[in-house]
Amino acid sequence: MKSAAKEIRKYGVETHKFFFDQYDLKSYEQALDKILDLKPNGIVFAPFFYNTSLAFVEKLKEKEIPCILINIDLDTPDKLTYIGQNALQSGYLCGKMMNLITKPEESAAILTSQKNVGRHLAIETRIKGFLDYFSDHNSDKQIKKIIIDDFDTEMIEKALSRELESDKQISGIFVPSSAIFMIASFLESRGLNNIRTIGYDTHIDNLEYIRKGYY
């Protein structure tokens, strides 16, 4: 996007960036208000907080401001287009991958943050796709949902230590976000290289753990 902004600057197009805390609704609303105050000719944004984002798109429609959605899609006819992955199919593929790298009698776990519940549609849709795969294939594999307050190192250690102790059959962990490297770090610290992980995004730490063989 920085490259594109630089390219179109020569044609007199100005670009403005607005940032927010993806776990803070107030921060998100303030950023959207700043965008409306700017009265732009077009908007590209990642819609967190589903209902708030839908209401924002409605406001854009009223003001005849076209918008493009990235990374997270919204079910609305008022967007110009959406650019990003199909979250449902993506999660479905992760389910298929998990099925391939674990044995039928072994368990799998889904680890996500409480902060994403009801706020991050893409993550929720990825989880649905993941579960849909096993449902569609009549699998008896036990899938456990582990929800922590935040992707904090201490919280991850406590939650995973407890679950892995109570269920020795867990051989795969699915994290529907870019925080997968934190789980790989925990597994490395415990020498648990027999547990496979599946996650998202080419984060530098994620790439490093792929090279180490923890994905």
N, C-alpha and C. Protein backbone atom coordinates (compact mmCIF):
# COMPACT_ATOMS: atom_id res chain seq x y z
N MET A 1 0.83 -1.20 0.00
CA MET A 1 0.00 0.00 0.00
C MET A 1 0.87 1.26 0.00
N LYS A 2 2.00 1.19 0.71
CA LYS A 2 2.93 2.33 0.71
C LYS A 2 3.48 2.56 -0.69
N SER A 3 3.77 1.45 -1.37
CA SER A 3 4.30 1.54 -2.73
C SER A 3 3.27 2.15 -3.67
N ALA A 4 2.00 1.73 -3.54
CA ALA A 4 0.94 2.25 -4.39
C ALA A 4 0.70 3.74 -4.11
N ALA A 5 0.75 4.12 -2.82
CA ALA A 5 0.55 5.52 -2.45
C ALA A 5 1.63 6.40 -3.06
N LYS A 6 2.84 5.89 -3.06
CA LYS A 6 3.95 6.64 -3.65
C LYS A 6 3.77 6.78 -5.16
N GLU A 7 3.27 5.73 -5.79
CA GLU A 7 3.09 5.74 -7.24
C GLU A 7 2.02 6.72 -7.69
N ILE A 8 0.90 6.81 -6.93
CA ILE A 8 -0.19 7.67 -7.37
C ILE A 8 -0.05 9.12 -6.88
N ARG A 9 0.96 9.36 -6.05
CA ARG A 9 1.18 10.71 -5.55
C ARG A 9 1.47 11.68 -6.70
N LYS A 10 2.13 11.18 -7.72
CA LYS A 10 2.50 12.02 -8.87
C LYS A 10 1.27 12.53 -9.63
N TYR A 11 0.13 11.85 -9.40
CA TYR A 11 -1.12 12.26 -10.06
C TYR A 11 -1.97 13.16 -9.16
N GLY A 12 -1.38 13.58 -8.06
CA GLY A 12 -2.09 14.49 -7.17
C GLY A 12 -2.99 13.81 -6.16
N VAL A 13 -2.83 12.51 -6.00
CA VAL A 13 -3.67 11.77 -5.04
C VAL A 13 -2.97 11.74 -3.67
N GLU A 14 -3.66 12.22 -2.67
CA GLU A 14 -3.13 12.20 -1.30
C GLU A 14 -3.65 10.97 -0.55
N THR A 15 -2.80 10.37 0.25
CA THR A 15 -3.22 9.24 1.07
C THR A 15 -2.98 9.56 2.54
N HIS A 16 -3.90 9.13 3.37
CA HIS A 16 -3.81 9.35 4.82
C HIS A 16 -4.02 8.02 5.53
N LYS A 17 -3.19 7.77 6.54
CA LYS A 17 -3.27 6.50 7.28
C LYS A 17 -3.84 6.76 8.67
N PHE A 18 -4.72 5.86 9.10
CA PHE A 18 -5.33 5.95 10.42
C PHE A 18 -5.14 4.62 11.14
N PHE A 19 -4.64 4.68 12.36
CA PHE A 19 -4.35 3.46 13.11
C PHE A 19 -5.24 3.36 14.35
N PHE A 20 -5.44 2.14 14.82
CA PHE A 20 -6.28 1.93 16.00
C PHE A 20 -5.86 0.64 16.68
N ASP A 21 -6.29 0.48 17.92
CA ASP A 21 -6.06 -0.75 18.67
C ASP A 21 -7.15 -1.74 18.27
N GLN A 22 -6.76 -2.84 17.67
CA GLN A 22 -7.75 -3.78 17.13
C GLN A 22 -8.58 -4.47 18.21
N TYR A 23 -8.20 -4.31 19.49
CA TYR A 23 -8.99 -4.91 20.57
C TYR A 23 -9.80 -3.87 21.34
N ASP A 24 -9.73 -2.60 20.90
CA ASP A 24 -10.38 -1.51 21.61
C ASP A 24 -11.42 -0.85 20.70
N LEU A 25 -12.70 -1.10 20.99
CA LEU A 25 -13.77 -0.55 20.16
C LEU A 25 -13.72 0.98 20.11
N LYS A 26 -13.45 1.61 21.23
CA LYS A 26 -13.41 3.06 21.29
C LYS A 26 -12.32 3.61 20.37
N SER A 27 -11.18 2.97 20.38
CA SER A 27 -10.07 3.38 19.52
C SER A 27 -10.47 3.27 18.05
N TYR A 28 -11.19 2.19 17.73
CA TYR A 28 -11.65 1.96 16.36
C TYR A 28 -12.65 3.03 15.94
N GLU A 29 -13.61 3.32 16.81
CA GLU A 29 -14.63 4.33 16.50
C GLU A 29 -14.00 5.71 16.31
N GLN A 30 -13.00 6.03 17.11
CA GLN A 30 -12.32 7.32 16.98
C GLN A 30 -11.60 7.43 15.63
N ALA A 31 -11.00 6.34 15.20
CA ALA A 31 -10.32 6.34 13.90
C ALA A 31 -11.32 6.53 12.76
N LEU A 32 -12.48 5.87 12.86
CA LEU A 32 -13.51 6.00 11.82
C LEU A 32 -14.06 7.42 11.78
N ASP A 33 -14.21 8.05 12.95
CA ASP A 33 -14.69 9.43 13.00
C ASP A 33 -13.70 10.38 12.32
N LYS A 34 -12.42 10.12 12.54
CA LYS A 34 -11.38 10.96 11.92
C LYS A 34 -11.42 10.83 10.40
N ILE A 35 -11.71 9.62 9.94
CA ILE A 35 -11.81 9.40 8.50
C ILE A 35 -12.97 10.20 7.91
N LEU A 36 -14.11 10.15 8.59
CA LEU A 36 -15.28 10.90 8.11
C LEU A 36 -15.02 12.41 8.14
N ASP A 37 -14.31 12.88 9.16
CA ASP A 37 -13.98 14.31 9.25
C ASP A 37 -13.09 14.74 8.09
N LEU A 38 -12.28 13.82 7.60
CA LEU A 38 -11.38 14.12 6.49
C LEU A 38 -12.15 14.31 5.18
N LYS A 39 -13.33 13.70 5.08
CA LYS A 39 -14.15 13.74 3.87
C LYS A 39 -13.37 13.28 2.63
N PRO A 40 -12.88 12.05 2.67
CA PRO A 40 -12.06 11.55 1.55
C PRO A 40 -12.90 11.18 0.34
N ASN A 41 -12.23 10.97 -0.77
CA ASN A 41 -12.90 10.56 -2.00
C ASN A 41 -13.05 9.04 -2.09
N GLY A 42 -12.33 8.33 -1.24
CA GLY A 42 -12.41 6.88 -1.22
C GLY A 42 -11.69 6.34 0.01
N ILE A 43 -12.06 5.14 0.41
CA ILE A 43 -11.49 4.55 1.64
C ILE A 43 -11.13 3.09 1.40
N VAL A 44 -9.98 2.69 1.93
CA VAL A 44 -9.58 1.29 1.99
C VAL A 44 -9.41 0.96 3.47
N PHE A 45 -10.15 -0.03 3.99
CA PHE A 45 -9.99 -0.33 5.41
C PHE A 45 -10.28 -1.78 5.74
N ALA A 46 -9.70 -2.21 6.88
CA ALA A 46 -9.94 -3.55 7.41
C ALA A 46 -11.03 -3.44 8.47
N PRO A 47 -12.20 -4.01 8.23
CA PRO A 47 -13.35 -3.83 9.12
C PRO A 47 -13.36 -4.76 10.35
N PHE A 48 -12.84 -4.27 11.46
CA PHE A 48 -12.97 -4.97 12.73
C PHE A 48 -14.32 -4.58 13.34
N PHE A 49 -14.73 -5.29 14.40
CA PHE A 49 -15.98 -4.99 15.09
C PHE A 49 -17.13 -4.91 14.07
N TYR A 50 -17.70 -6.06 13.78
CA TYR A 50 -18.61 -6.26 12.66
C TYR A 50 -19.74 -5.23 12.56
N ASN A 51 -20.54 -5.09 13.60
CA ASN A 51 -21.70 -4.18 13.54
C ASN A 51 -21.28 -2.72 13.37
N THR A 52 -20.22 -2.34 14.05
CA THR A 52 -19.71 -0.97 13.93
C THR A 52 -19.24 -0.70 12.50
N SER A 53 -18.60 -1.70 11.91
CA SER A 53 -18.11 -1.55 10.54
C SER A 53 -19.25 -1.46 9.54
N LEU A 54 -20.30 -2.25 9.76
CA LEU A 54 -21.47 -2.18 8.87
C LEU A 54 -22.11 -0.80 8.93
N ALA A 55 -22.22 -0.26 10.14
CA ALA A 55 -22.81 1.07 10.30
C ALA A 55 -21.94 2.13 9.62
N PHE A 56 -20.63 1.93 9.68
CA PHE A 56 -19.70 2.87 9.04
C PHE A 56 -19.86 2.84 7.52
N VAL A 57 -20.00 1.63 6.96
CA VAL A 57 -20.19 1.50 5.52
C VAL A 57 -21.49 2.18 5.09
N GLU A 58 -22.51 2.09 5.94
CA GLU A 58 -23.78 2.77 5.65
C GLU A 58 -23.58 4.28 5.58
N LYS A 59 -22.79 4.81 6.49
CA LYS A 59 -22.50 6.25 6.49
C LYS A 59 -21.75 6.65 5.22
N LEU A 60 -20.83 5.78 4.81
CA LEU A 60 -20.08 6.05 3.58
C LEU A 60 -21.01 6.08 2.37
N LYS A 61 -21.99 5.17 2.37
CA LYS A 61 -22.95 5.13 1.28
C LYS A 61 -23.75 6.43 1.21
N GLU A 62 -24.17 6.91 2.38
CA GLU A 62 -24.94 8.15 2.45
C GLU A 62 -24.13 9.34 1.92
N LYS A 63 -22.84 9.31 2.17
CA LYS A 63 -21.98 10.41 1.74
C LYS A 63 -21.38 10.17 0.36
N GLU A 64 -21.78 9.05 -0.27
CA GLU A 64 -21.32 8.67 -1.61
C GLU A 64 -19.80 8.54 -1.66
N ILE A 65 -19.24 7.90 -0.63
CA ILE A 65 -17.80 7.63 -0.57
C ILE A 65 -17.59 6.14 -0.80
N PRO A 66 -16.95 5.75 -1.90
CA PRO A 66 -16.72 4.32 -2.16
C PRO A 66 -15.70 3.74 -1.19
N CYS A 67 -15.86 2.45 -0.86
CA CYS A 67 -14.92 1.81 0.05
C CYS A 67 -14.51 0.43 -0.46
N ILE A 68 -13.28 0.09 -0.15
CA ILE A 68 -12.73 -1.23 -0.46
C ILE A 68 -12.35 -1.89 0.86
N LEU A 69 -12.74 -3.13 1.05
CA LEU A 69 -12.43 -3.87 2.27
C LEU A 69 -11.21 -4.75 2.04
N ILE A 70 -10.34 -4.81 3.05
CA ILE A 70 -9.17 -5.69 2.96
C ILE A 70 -9.11 -6.59 4.18
N ASN A 71 -8.63 -7.79 3.98
CA ASN A 71 -8.36 -8.77 5.04
C ASN A 71 -9.61 -9.38 5.66
N ILE A 72 -10.61 -8.57 5.97
CA ILE A 72 -11.85 -9.06 6.58
C ILE A 72 -13.02 -8.60 5.71
N ASP A 73 -13.89 -9.52 5.34
CA ASP A 73 -15.02 -9.18 4.49
C ASP A 73 -16.26 -8.86 5.32
N LEU A 74 -17.17 -8.09 4.73
CA LEU A 74 -18.46 -7.80 5.33
C LEU A 74 -19.56 -8.18 4.34
N ASP A 75 -20.64 -8.70 4.86
CA ASP A 75 -21.77 -9.06 4.01
C ASP A 75 -22.61 -7.82 3.74
N THR A 76 -22.17 -7.03 2.78
CA THR A 76 -22.87 -5.80 2.42
C THR A 76 -22.69 -5.51 0.93
N PRO A 77 -23.74 -5.06 0.27
CA PRO A 77 -23.64 -4.73 -1.16
C PRO A 77 -23.01 -3.35 -1.39
N ASP A 78 -22.73 -2.63 -0.31
CA ASP A 78 -22.28 -1.25 -0.44
C ASP A 78 -20.77 -1.10 -0.55
N LYS A 79 -20.05 -2.22 -0.52
CA LYS A 79 -18.60 -2.15 -0.72
C LYS A 79 -18.30 -2.15 -2.21
N LEU A 80 -17.19 -1.53 -2.58
CA LEU A 80 -16.79 -1.56 -3.98
C LEU A 80 -16.24 -2.94 -4.33
N THR A 81 -15.40 -3.47 -3.43
CA THR A 81 -14.88 -4.83 -3.60
C THR A 81 -14.21 -5.26 -2.30
N TYR A 82 -13.84 -6.51 -2.24
CA TYR A 82 -13.11 -7.05 -1.09
C TYR A 82 -11.83 -7.69 -1.59
N ILE A 83 -10.72 -7.42 -0.91
CA ILE A 83 -9.43 -8.02 -1.26
C ILE A 83 -8.91 -8.77 -0.05
N GLY A 84 -8.77 -10.07 -0.18
CA GLY A 84 -8.29 -10.87 0.94
C GLY A 84 -8.66 -12.32 0.75
N GLN A 85 -8.29 -13.14 1.70
CA GLN A 85 -8.55 -14.57 1.61
C GLN A 85 -10.02 -14.87 1.93
N ASN A 86 -10.45 -16.02 1.49
CA ASN A 86 -11.75 -16.54 1.89
C ASN A 86 -11.53 -17.24 3.23
N ALA A 87 -11.94 -16.59 4.32
CA ALA A 87 -11.63 -17.09 5.66
C ALA A 87 -12.22 -18.48 5.92
N LEU A 88 -13.42 -18.75 5.40
CA LEU A 88 -14.06 -20.04 5.61
C LEU A 88 -13.26 -21.16 4.93
N GLN A 89 -12.91 -20.93 3.68
CA GLN A 89 -12.14 -21.93 2.94
C GLN A 89 -10.75 -22.11 3.54
N SER A 90 -10.20 -20.99 4.02
CA SER A 90 -8.89 -21.05 4.65
C SER A 90 -8.91 -21.94 5.88
N GLY A 91 -9.91 -21.74 6.74
CA GLY A 91 -10.04 -22.58 7.92
C GLY A 91 -10.30 -24.03 7.57
N TYR A 92 -11.08 -24.24 6.52
CA TYR A 92 -11.38 -25.60 6.04
C TYR A 92 -10.09 -26.31 5.61
N LEU A 93 -9.22 -25.56 4.91
CA LEU A 93 -7.94 -26.12 4.47
C LEU A 93 -7.07 -26.47 5.68
N CYS A 94 -7.11 -25.62 6.71
CA CYS A 94 -6.35 -25.90 7.93
C CYS A 94 -6.84 -27.18 8.59
N GLY A 95 -8.15 -27.40 8.55
CA GLY A 95 -8.71 -28.63 9.08
C GLY A 95 -8.20 -29.84 8.32
N LYS A 96 -8.15 -29.71 7.00
CA LYS A 96 -7.64 -30.81 6.17
C LYS A 96 -6.17 -31.08 6.48
N MET A 97 -5.40 -30.00 6.63
CA MET A 97 -3.98 -30.16 6.96
C MET A 97 -3.81 -30.84 8.31
N MET A 98 -4.62 -30.42 9.29
CA MET A 98 -4.53 -31.03 10.62
C MET A 98 -4.86 -32.51 10.56
N ASN A 99 -5.83 -32.86 9.75
CA ASN A 99 -6.22 -34.26 9.59
C ASN A 99 -5.09 -35.08 8.99
N LEU A 100 -4.32 -34.45 8.10
CA LEU A 100 -3.22 -35.15 7.43
C LEU A 100 -2.01 -35.37 8.34
N ILE A 101 -1.78 -34.45 9.27
CA ILE A 101 -0.56 -34.52 10.08
C ILE A 101 -0.78 -35.10 11.48
N THR A 102 -2.01 -35.49 11.78
CA THR A 102 -2.30 -36.14 13.06
C THR A 102 -3.04 -37.44 12.82
N LYS A 103 -2.97 -38.34 13.78
CA LYS A 103 -3.64 -39.63 13.66
C LYS A 103 -5.12 -39.49 14.06
N PRO A 104 -5.99 -40.32 13.51
CA PRO A 104 -7.43 -40.23 13.80
C PRO A 104 -7.76 -40.28 15.28
N GLU A 105 -7.02 -41.09 16.03
CA GLU A 105 -7.32 -41.26 17.46
C GLU A 105 -6.74 -40.12 18.31
N GLU A 106 -5.92 -39.28 17.73
CA GLU A 106 -5.31 -38.17 18.47
C GLU A 106 -6.24 -36.95 18.51
N SER A 107 -6.04 -36.11 19.50
CA SER A 107 -6.86 -34.90 19.66
C SER A 107 -6.17 -33.70 19.02
N ALA A 108 -6.97 -32.67 18.77
CA ALA A 108 -6.43 -31.39 18.27
C ALA A 108 -7.04 -30.28 19.12
N ALA A 109 -6.33 -29.18 19.22
CA ALA A 109 -6.81 -28.06 20.01
C ALA A 109 -6.85 -26.79 19.16
N ILE A 110 -7.84 -25.95 19.43
CA ILE A 110 -7.93 -24.62 18.82
C ILE A 110 -7.64 -23.62 19.92
N LEU A 111 -6.64 -22.79 19.72
CA LEU A 111 -6.29 -21.79 20.73
C LEU A 111 -6.57 -20.40 20.20
N THR A 112 -7.40 -19.65 20.90
CA THR A 112 -7.72 -18.30 20.48
C THR A 112 -7.87 -17.40 21.69
N SER A 113 -7.96 -16.10 21.43
CA SER A 113 -8.05 -15.11 22.50
C SER A 113 -9.48 -14.67 22.72
N GLN A 114 -9.83 -14.45 23.97
CA GLN A 114 -11.15 -13.94 24.33
C GLN A 114 -11.41 -12.60 23.65
N LYS A 115 -10.34 -11.84 23.41
CA LYS A 115 -10.49 -10.52 22.79
C LYS A 115 -10.97 -10.61 21.35
N ASN A 116 -10.78 -11.77 20.72
CA ASN A 116 -11.20 -11.93 19.34
C ASN A 116 -12.64 -12.41 19.22
N VAL A 117 -13.20 -12.93 20.32
CA VAL A 117 -14.55 -13.47 20.28
C VAL A 117 -15.55 -12.33 20.06
N GLY A 118 -16.31 -12.42 18.98
CA GLY A 118 -17.31 -11.41 18.67
C GLY A 118 -16.76 -10.14 18.06
N ARG A 119 -15.46 -10.09 17.83
CA ARG A 119 -14.85 -8.85 17.32
C ARG A 119 -14.14 -9.05 15.99
N HIS A 120 -13.50 -10.18 15.85
CA HIS A 120 -12.70 -10.43 14.65
C HIS A 120 -13.39 -11.50 13.81
N LEU A 121 -14.17 -11.05 12.83
CA LEU A 121 -14.98 -11.97 12.03
C LEU A 121 -14.12 -12.99 11.30
N ALA A 122 -12.96 -12.57 10.78
CA ALA A 122 -12.12 -13.49 10.02
C ALA A 122 -11.66 -14.66 10.88
N ILE A 123 -11.27 -14.37 12.12
CA ILE A 123 -10.81 -15.43 13.01
C ILE A 123 -11.94 -16.39 13.35
N GLU A 124 -13.11 -15.87 13.65
CA GLU A 124 -14.26 -16.72 13.95
C GLU A 124 -14.64 -17.59 12.74
N THR A 125 -14.53 -17.00 11.55
CA THR A 125 -14.88 -17.74 10.33
C THR A 125 -13.85 -18.82 10.04
N ARG A 126 -12.58 -18.54 10.32
CA ARG A 126 -11.54 -19.56 10.14
C ARG A 126 -11.80 -20.76 11.04
N ILE A 127 -12.19 -20.47 12.29
CA ILE A 127 -12.49 -21.56 13.22
C ILE A 127 -13.68 -22.38 12.72
N LYS A 128 -14.70 -21.71 12.21
CA LYS A 128 -15.86 -22.42 11.68
C LYS A 128 -15.45 -23.32 10.52
N GLY A 129 -14.62 -22.80 9.62
CA GLY A 129 -14.16 -23.60 8.50
C GLY A 129 -13.36 -24.81 8.96
N PHE A 130 -12.54 -24.62 9.96
CA PHE A 130 -11.73 -25.71 10.53
C PHE A 130 -12.64 -26.83 11.05
N LEU A 131 -13.63 -26.44 11.83
CA LEU A 131 -14.55 -27.43 12.40
C LEU A 131 -15.43 -28.07 11.33
N ASP A 132 -15.79 -27.27 10.31
CA ASP A 132 -16.62 -27.79 9.22
C ASP A 132 -15.94 -28.96 8.51
N TYR A 133 -14.61 -28.89 8.38
CA TYR A 133 -13.90 -29.97 7.68
C TYR A 133 -14.15 -31.30 8.39
N PHE A 134 -13.97 -31.33 9.70
CA PHE A 134 -14.14 -32.58 10.44
C PHE A 134 -15.59 -33.02 10.49
N SER A 135 -16.50 -32.05 10.52
CA SER A 135 -17.93 -32.38 10.50
C SER A 135 -18.32 -32.98 9.15
N ASP A 136 -17.83 -32.39 8.07
CA ASP A 136 -18.17 -32.87 6.73
C ASP A 136 -17.61 -34.27 6.46
N HIS A 137 -16.52 -34.62 7.15
CA HIS A 137 -15.91 -35.92 6.91
C HIS A 137 -16.22 -36.91 8.03
N ASN A 138 -17.25 -36.59 8.81
CA ASN A 138 -17.72 -37.49 9.88
C ASN A 138 -16.58 -38.00 10.75
N SER A 139 -15.68 -37.10 11.07
CA SER A 139 -14.51 -37.48 11.87
C SER A 139 -14.87 -37.59 13.36
N ASP A 140 -14.26 -38.56 14.02
CA ASP A 140 -14.45 -38.71 15.46
C ASP A 140 -13.35 -38.01 16.25
N LYS A 141 -12.48 -37.31 15.55
CA LYS A 141 -11.37 -36.64 16.23
C LYS A 141 -11.91 -35.63 17.25
N GLN A 142 -11.35 -35.66 18.44
CA GLN A 142 -11.77 -34.73 19.47
C GLN A 142 -11.07 -33.38 19.25
N ILE A 143 -11.88 -32.33 19.15
CA ILE A 143 -11.35 -30.98 18.95
C ILE A 143 -11.66 -30.16 20.20
N LYS A 144 -10.61 -29.67 20.84
CA LYS A 144 -10.80 -28.87 22.05
C LYS A 144 -10.60 -27.39 21.76
N LYS A 145 -11.48 -26.56 22.31
CA LYS A 145 -11.32 -25.12 22.19
C LYS A 145 -10.68 -24.58 23.47
N ILE A 146 -9.58 -23.89 23.30
CA ILE A 146 -8.91 -23.27 24.44
C ILE A 146 -8.97 -21.76 24.23
N ILE A 147 -9.66 -21.07 25.12
CA ILE A 147 -9.81 -19.61 25.00
C ILE A 147 -9.08 -18.95 26.16
N ILE A 148 -8.11 -18.11 25.84
CA ILE A 148 -7.36 -17.38 26.86
C ILE A 148 -7.72 -15.91 26.78
N ASP A 149 -7.45 -15.18 27.86
CA ASP A 149 -7.81 -13.75 27.87
C ASP A 149 -7.03 -12.96 26.83
N ASP A 150 -5.77 -13.29 26.67
CA ASP A 150 -4.92 -12.55 25.74
C ASP A 150 -3.75 -13.44 25.37
N PHE A 151 -3.09 -13.11 24.24
CA PHE A 151 -1.92 -13.87 23.85
C PHE A 151 -0.70 -13.36 24.61
N ASP A 152 -0.73 -13.67 25.90
CA ASP A 152 0.33 -13.33 26.81
C ASP A 152 1.12 -14.61 27.09
N THR A 153 2.44 -14.49 27.17
CA THR A 153 3.29 -15.67 27.35
C THR A 153 2.88 -16.50 28.56
N GLU A 154 2.62 -15.84 29.66
CA GLU A 154 2.26 -16.56 30.89
C GLU A 154 0.91 -17.26 30.76
N MET A 155 -0.05 -16.58 30.11
CA MET A 155 -1.37 -17.19 29.93
C MET A 155 -1.29 -18.41 29.03
N ILE A 156 -0.49 -18.30 27.97
CA ILE A 156 -0.32 -19.42 27.04
C ILE A 156 0.30 -20.61 27.76
N GLU A 157 1.33 -20.35 28.55
CA GLU A 157 2.00 -21.43 29.28
C GLU A 157 1.05 -22.13 30.24
N LYS A 158 0.26 -21.36 30.97
CA LYS A 158 -0.67 -21.95 31.93
C LYS A 158 -1.74 -22.78 31.23
N ALA A 159 -2.33 -22.20 30.17
CA ALA A 159 -3.42 -22.89 29.46
C ALA A 159 -2.94 -24.16 28.78
N LEU A 160 -1.83 -24.08 28.07
CA LEU A 160 -1.34 -25.25 27.34
C LEU A 160 -0.78 -26.31 28.29
N SER A 161 -0.11 -25.88 29.35
CA SER A 161 0.42 -26.86 30.32
C SER A 161 -0.73 -27.66 30.92
N ARG A 162 -1.81 -26.97 31.25
CA ARG A 162 -2.98 -27.62 31.85
C ARG A 162 -3.63 -28.60 30.87
N GLU A 163 -3.83 -28.15 29.62
CA GLU A 163 -4.51 -28.99 28.64
C GLU A 163 -3.66 -30.19 28.21
N LEU A 164 -2.38 -29.96 28.02
CA LEU A 164 -1.51 -31.04 27.59
C LEU A 164 -1.31 -32.08 28.70
N GLU A 165 -1.44 -31.63 29.93
CA GLU A 165 -1.33 -32.55 31.06
C GLU A 165 -2.61 -33.39 31.19
N SER A 166 -3.76 -32.76 30.94
CA SER A 166 -5.04 -33.47 31.09
C SER A 166 -5.37 -34.35 29.89
N ASP A 167 -4.81 -34.01 28.73
CA ASP A 167 -5.09 -34.81 27.52
C ASP A 167 -3.78 -35.10 26.80
N LYS A 168 -3.27 -36.28 27.03
CA LYS A 168 -1.99 -36.69 26.44
C LYS A 168 -2.12 -36.97 24.94
N GLN A 169 -3.37 -36.97 24.43
CA GLN A 169 -3.58 -37.30 23.02
C GLN A 169 -3.53 -36.07 22.11
N ILE A 170 -3.39 -34.88 22.67
CA ILE A 170 -3.30 -33.67 21.83
C ILE A 170 -2.00 -33.70 21.04
N SER A 171 -2.12 -33.73 19.73
CA SER A 171 -0.94 -33.79 18.88
C SER A 171 -0.89 -32.66 17.86
N GLY A 172 -1.92 -31.80 17.88
CA GLY A 172 -1.95 -30.69 16.94
C GLY A 172 -2.65 -29.48 17.56
N ILE A 173 -2.13 -28.28 17.27
CA ILE A 173 -2.73 -27.05 17.78
C ILE A 173 -2.96 -26.09 16.62
N PHE A 174 -4.18 -25.62 16.50
CA PHE A 174 -4.56 -24.67 15.45
C PHE A 174 -4.77 -23.30 16.08
N VAL A 175 -4.05 -22.30 15.58
CA VAL A 175 -4.20 -20.91 16.04
C VAL A 175 -4.63 -20.08 14.84
N PRO A 176 -5.87 -19.58 14.82
CA PRO A 176 -6.38 -18.87 13.64
C PRO A 176 -5.93 -17.41 13.55
N SER A 177 -4.68 -17.16 13.94
CA SER A 177 -4.15 -15.80 13.88
C SER A 177 -2.64 -15.85 13.71
N SER A 178 -2.00 -14.69 13.72
CA SER A 178 -0.56 -14.63 13.51
C SER A 178 0.25 -14.94 14.76
N ALA A 179 -0.43 -15.22 15.89
CA ALA A 179 0.26 -15.45 17.17
C ALA A 179 0.79 -16.87 17.32
N ILE A 180 0.80 -17.64 16.24
CA ILE A 180 1.22 -19.03 16.31
C ILE A 180 2.65 -19.19 16.81
N PHE A 181 3.51 -18.20 16.57
CA PHE A 181 4.91 -18.29 16.99
C PHE A 181 5.03 -18.38 18.52
N MET A 182 4.06 -17.82 19.24
CA MET A 182 4.10 -17.86 20.71
C MET A 182 3.85 -19.28 21.20
N ILE A 183 3.03 -20.01 20.49
CA ILE A 183 2.76 -21.40 20.85
C ILE A 183 3.98 -22.25 20.49
N ALA A 184 4.59 -21.96 19.35
CA ALA A 184 5.80 -22.67 18.95
C ALA A 184 6.93 -22.43 19.95
N SER A 185 7.00 -21.21 20.47
CA SER A 185 8.01 -20.88 21.48
C SER A 185 7.81 -21.71 22.75
N PHE A 186 6.54 -21.83 23.16
CA PHE A 186 6.23 -22.65 24.34
C PHE A 186 6.63 -24.10 24.11
N LEU A 187 6.29 -24.65 22.94
CA LEU A 187 6.61 -26.04 22.64
C LEU A 187 8.12 -26.25 22.60
N GLU A 188 8.84 -25.28 22.06
CA GLU A 188 10.30 -25.39 22.00
C GLU A 188 10.89 -25.40 23.42
N SER A 189 10.37 -24.54 24.28
CA SER A 189 10.90 -24.46 25.65
C SER A 189 10.66 -25.74 26.43
N ARG A 190 9.62 -26.49 26.05
CA ARG A 190 9.30 -27.76 26.72
C ARG A 190 9.84 -28.97 25.96
N GLY A 191 10.48 -28.73 24.83
CA GLY A 191 11.00 -29.84 24.03
C GLY A 191 9.92 -30.69 23.41
N LEU A 192 8.76 -30.08 23.14
CA LEU A 192 7.62 -30.82 22.59
C LEU A 192 7.57 -30.68 21.07
N ASN A 193 8.52 -31.29 20.40
CA ASN A 193 8.55 -31.18 18.93
C ASN A 193 7.69 -32.23 18.24
N ASN A 194 6.92 -32.99 19.03
CA ASN A 194 6.01 -33.98 18.45
C ASN A 194 4.61 -33.41 18.25
N ILE A 195 4.38 -32.19 18.71
CA ILE A 195 3.07 -31.55 18.54
C ILE A 195 3.16 -30.57 17.38
N ARG A 196 2.30 -30.77 16.38
CA ARG A 196 2.33 -29.95 15.18
C ARG A 196 1.41 -28.73 15.36
N THR A 197 1.77 -27.65 14.71
CA THR A 197 0.98 -26.42 14.82
C THR A 197 0.63 -25.87 13.44
N ILE A 198 -0.52 -25.22 13.36
CA ILE A 198 -0.96 -24.58 12.13
C ILE A 198 -1.44 -23.18 12.48
N GLY A 199 -0.93 -22.18 11.76
CA GLY A 199 -1.33 -20.80 12.03
C GLY A 199 -1.29 -19.95 10.78
N TYR A 200 -1.21 -18.64 10.97
CA TYR A 200 -1.33 -17.70 9.84
C TYR A 200 -0.22 -16.64 9.83
N ASP A 201 0.00 -16.12 8.66
CA ASP A 201 0.80 -14.91 8.41
C ASP A 201 2.32 -15.15 8.42
N THR A 202 2.99 -14.43 7.53
CA THR A 202 4.44 -14.55 7.38
C THR A 202 5.16 -13.59 8.32
N HIS A 203 4.77 -13.62 9.57
CA HIS A 203 5.45 -12.87 10.63
C HIS A 203 6.88 -13.41 10.72
N ILE A 204 7.85 -12.53 10.98
CA ILE A 204 9.26 -12.95 10.99
C ILE A 204 9.51 -14.08 11.99
N ASP A 205 8.84 -14.02 13.16
CA ASP A 205 9.02 -15.08 14.15
C ASP A 205 8.35 -16.37 13.70
N ASN A 206 7.23 -16.26 12.98
CA ASN A 206 6.58 -17.46 12.43
C ASN A 206 7.51 -18.16 11.45
N LEU A 207 8.14 -17.38 10.59
CA LEU A 207 9.05 -17.95 9.60
C LEU A 207 10.23 -18.64 10.28
N GLU A 208 10.71 -18.05 11.37
CA GLU A 208 11.84 -18.64 12.09
C GLU A 208 11.47 -20.01 12.67
N TYR A 209 10.26 -20.12 13.21
CA TYR A 209 9.87 -21.41 13.79
C TYR A 209 9.53 -22.43 12.72
N ILE A 210 9.14 -21.98 11.54
CA ILE A 210 8.97 -22.92 10.43
C ILE A 210 10.32 -23.54 10.08
N ARG A 211 11.36 -22.70 10.06
CA ARG A 211 12.72 -23.19 9.76
C ARG A 211 13.19 -24.16 10.83
N LYS A 212 12.76 -23.93 12.07
CA LYS A 212 13.15 -24.81 13.17
C LYS A 212 12.37 -26.11 13.17
N GLY A 213 11.27 -26.16 12.41
CA GLY A 213 10.48 -27.38 12.32
C GLY A 213 9.35 -27.49 13.32
N TYR A 214 8.91 -26.35 13.88
CA TYR A 214 7.83 -26.41 14.86
C TYR A 214 6.45 -26.17 14.22
N TYR A 215 6.38 -26.04 12.89
CA TYR A 215 5.09 -25.94 12.20
C TYR A 215 4.97 -27.12 11.27
